[in-house]
Amino acid sequence: MKFGVPAETHAGEARAAAAPETVKKLAASGHHSMLVQSGGGAGTSIPDERCVAGGATIDIKAAED
């Protein structure tokens, strides 16, 4: 299964949709791929590199409808 983790867009919202530990656990299962939007953890001081280290791919921007 593919998981996409978007960056938060609401004003004043600092939470991350998935912690690096969660990304790592899902990616390590071998059954899931993780795509994290660049800057997704910025409000919680989580750099993109921590998600990459956990097995995620970083996307520059969210898909637009």
N, C-alpha and C. Protein backbone atom coordinates (compact mmCIF):
# COMPACT_ATOMS: atom_id res chain seq x y z
N MET A 1 0.84 -1.16 0.00
CA MET A 1 0.00 0.00 0.00
C MET A 1 0.90 1.24 0.00
N LYS A 2 0.47 2.27 -0.69
CA LYS A 2 1.20 3.54 -0.71
C LYS A 2 0.55 4.51 0.26
N PHE A 3 1.37 5.11 1.11
CA PHE A 3 0.90 6.12 2.05
C PHE A 3 1.47 7.47 1.66
N GLY A 4 0.65 8.50 1.64
CA GLY A 4 1.10 9.86 1.40
C GLY A 4 0.88 10.67 2.67
N VAL A 5 1.92 11.39 3.09
CA VAL A 5 1.85 12.19 4.31
C VAL A 5 2.00 13.66 3.92
N PRO A 6 0.90 14.42 3.94
CA PRO A 6 0.97 15.82 3.53
C PRO A 6 1.48 16.72 4.66
N ALA A 7 1.99 17.88 4.26
CA ALA A 7 2.35 18.91 5.24
C ALA A 7 1.06 19.57 5.72
N GLU A 8 1.05 20.02 6.96
CA GLU A 8 -0.11 20.72 7.51
C GLU A 8 -0.23 22.10 6.86
N THR A 9 -1.45 22.49 6.50
CA THR A 9 -1.65 23.78 5.83
C THR A 9 -2.48 24.77 6.63
N HIS A 10 -3.06 24.33 7.73
CA HIS A 10 -3.90 25.22 8.54
C HIS A 10 -3.04 26.17 9.36
N ALA A 11 -3.41 27.43 9.40
CA ALA A 11 -2.67 28.42 10.17
C ALA A 11 -2.61 28.03 11.64
N GLY A 12 -1.42 28.12 12.22
CA GLY A 12 -1.23 27.82 13.63
C GLY A 12 -1.11 26.35 13.96
N GLU A 13 -1.25 25.49 12.99
CA GLU A 13 -1.17 24.04 13.22
C GLU A 13 0.27 23.58 13.10
N ALA A 14 0.80 22.97 14.15
CA ALA A 14 2.21 22.58 14.16
C ALA A 14 2.42 21.06 14.20
N ARG A 15 1.34 20.30 14.21
CA ARG A 15 1.51 18.84 14.28
C ARG A 15 1.97 18.27 12.94
N ALA A 16 2.61 17.12 13.01
CA ALA A 16 3.00 16.37 11.81
C ALA A 16 2.02 15.22 11.65
N ALA A 17 1.67 14.90 10.42
CA ALA A 17 0.70 13.84 10.16
C ALA A 17 1.23 12.45 10.51
N ALA A 18 2.56 12.28 10.47
CA ALA A 18 3.17 11.01 10.84
C ALA A 18 4.58 11.28 11.37
N ALA A 19 4.90 10.68 12.48
CA ALA A 19 6.23 10.81 13.07
C ALA A 19 7.22 9.94 12.30
N PRO A 20 8.50 10.31 12.31
CA PRO A 20 9.51 9.50 11.62
C PRO A 20 9.50 8.03 12.08
N GLU A 21 9.19 7.79 13.33
CA GLU A 21 9.14 6.41 13.84
C GLU A 21 8.01 5.62 13.17
N THR A 22 6.89 6.28 12.92
CA THR A 22 5.77 5.64 12.24
C THR A 22 6.12 5.35 10.79
N VAL A 23 6.75 6.33 10.14
CA VAL A 23 7.19 6.15 8.75
C VAL A 23 8.12 4.95 8.67
N LYS A 24 9.08 4.88 9.59
CA LYS A 24 10.05 3.79 9.59
C LYS A 24 9.37 2.44 9.80
N LYS A 25 8.44 2.37 10.73
CA LYS A 25 7.75 1.11 11.02
C LYS A 25 6.96 0.62 9.80
N LEU A 26 6.24 1.52 9.15
CA LEU A 26 5.45 1.12 7.99
C LEU A 26 6.34 0.74 6.81
N ALA A 27 7.39 1.53 6.56
CA ALA A 27 8.29 1.24 5.45
C ALA A 27 9.06 -0.06 5.67
N ALA A 28 9.44 -0.34 6.92
CA ALA A 28 10.22 -1.53 7.23
C ALA A 28 9.43 -2.82 7.07
N SER A 29 8.11 -2.71 7.07
CA SER A 29 7.29 -3.91 6.93
C SER A 29 7.47 -4.57 5.58
N GLY A 30 7.92 -3.77 4.60
CA GLY A 30 8.10 -4.29 3.25
C GLY A 30 6.82 -4.34 2.44
N HIS A 31 5.71 -3.98 3.07
CA HIS A 31 4.42 -4.01 2.38
C HIS A 31 3.92 -2.63 2.01
N HIS A 32 4.60 -1.60 2.48
CA HIS A 32 4.13 -0.23 2.29
C HIS A 32 5.24 0.66 1.75
N SER A 33 4.85 1.67 0.96
CA SER A 33 5.79 2.70 0.55
C SER A 33 5.27 4.02 1.11
N MET A 34 6.20 4.87 1.50
CA MET A 34 5.86 6.12 2.16
C MET A 34 6.32 7.31 1.33
N LEU A 35 5.42 8.24 1.08
CA LEU A 35 5.72 9.47 0.37
C LEU A 35 5.35 10.61 1.31
N VAL A 36 6.35 11.42 1.68
CA VAL A 36 6.15 12.52 2.63
C VAL A 36 6.35 13.84 1.90
N GLN A 37 5.43 14.77 2.10
CA GLN A 37 5.56 16.08 1.47
C GLN A 37 6.70 16.84 2.14
N SER A 38 7.53 17.47 1.35
CA SER A 38 8.66 18.24 1.85
C SER A 38 8.17 19.27 2.86
N GLY A 39 8.85 19.34 4.01
CA GLY A 39 8.47 20.29 5.05
C GLY A 39 7.34 19.81 5.93
N GLY A 40 6.92 18.57 5.77
CA GLY A 40 5.79 18.04 6.53
C GLY A 40 5.99 18.06 8.03
N GLY A 41 7.22 18.02 8.49
CA GLY A 41 7.48 18.05 9.92
C GLY A 41 8.05 19.36 10.41
N ALA A 42 8.03 20.38 9.58
CA ALA A 42 8.65 21.66 9.94
C ALA A 42 8.08 22.27 11.21
N GLY A 43 6.79 22.15 11.42
CA GLY A 43 6.16 22.73 12.61
C GLY A 43 6.56 22.04 13.90
N THR A 44 7.11 20.85 13.79
CA THR A 44 7.55 20.10 14.97
C THR A 44 9.06 19.91 14.97
N SER A 45 9.74 20.68 14.13
CA SER A 45 11.22 20.63 14.03
C SER A 45 11.73 19.26 13.59
N ILE A 46 10.96 18.56 12.78
CA ILE A 46 11.38 17.28 12.22
C ILE A 46 11.84 17.52 10.78
N PRO A 47 13.14 17.40 10.51
CA PRO A 47 13.62 17.64 9.14
C PRO A 47 13.25 16.48 8.21
N ASP A 48 13.15 16.77 6.94
CA ASP A 48 12.83 15.75 5.93
C ASP A 48 13.79 14.56 6.02
N GLU A 49 15.05 14.83 6.36
CA GLU A 49 16.07 13.78 6.41
C GLU A 49 15.71 12.66 7.38
N ARG A 50 15.00 12.98 8.46
CA ARG A 50 14.61 11.93 9.41
C ARG A 50 13.59 10.98 8.79
N CYS A 51 12.71 11.51 7.95
CA CYS A 51 11.74 10.64 7.27
C CYS A 51 12.43 9.81 6.20
N VAL A 52 13.39 10.41 5.49
CA VAL A 52 14.15 9.68 4.48
C VAL A 52 14.92 8.54 5.16
N ALA A 53 15.51 8.83 6.31
CA ALA A 53 16.25 7.79 7.06
C ALA A 53 15.32 6.66 7.47
N GLY A 54 14.05 6.96 7.64
CA GLY A 54 13.06 5.94 8.00
C GLY A 54 12.52 5.18 6.81
N GLY A 55 12.91 5.57 5.60
CA GLY A 55 12.48 4.83 4.42
C GLY A 55 11.50 5.55 3.53
N ALA A 56 11.24 6.82 3.79
CA ALA A 56 10.28 7.57 2.97
C ALA A 56 10.96 8.23 1.78
N THR A 57 10.15 8.54 0.79
CA THR A 57 10.55 9.37 -0.33
C THR A 57 9.94 10.74 -0.08
N ILE A 58 10.71 11.79 -0.34
CA ILE A 58 10.22 13.16 -0.14
C ILE A 58 9.70 13.70 -1.45
N ASP A 59 8.50 14.29 -1.41
CA ASP A 59 7.90 14.94 -2.58
C ASP A 59 7.95 16.44 -2.35
N ILE A 60 8.22 17.20 -3.39
CA ILE A 60 8.35 18.64 -3.27
C ILE A 60 7.04 19.33 -2.89
N LYS A 61 5.94 18.93 -3.50
CA LYS A 61 4.66 19.57 -3.18
C LYS A 61 3.54 18.54 -3.24
N ALA A 62 2.44 18.89 -2.66
CA ALA A 62 1.27 18.01 -2.67
C ALA A 62 0.64 18.03 -4.07
N ALA A 63 0.01 16.93 -4.41
CA ALA A 63 -0.71 16.86 -5.68
C ALA A 63 -1.91 17.79 -5.63
N GLU A 64 -2.21 18.39 -6.71
CA GLU A 64 -3.36 19.30 -6.79
C GLU A 64 -4.44 18.66 -7.63
N ASP A 65 -5.68 18.83 -7.21
CA ASP A 65 -6.82 18.28 -7.97
C ASP A 65 -7.12 19.15 -9.14
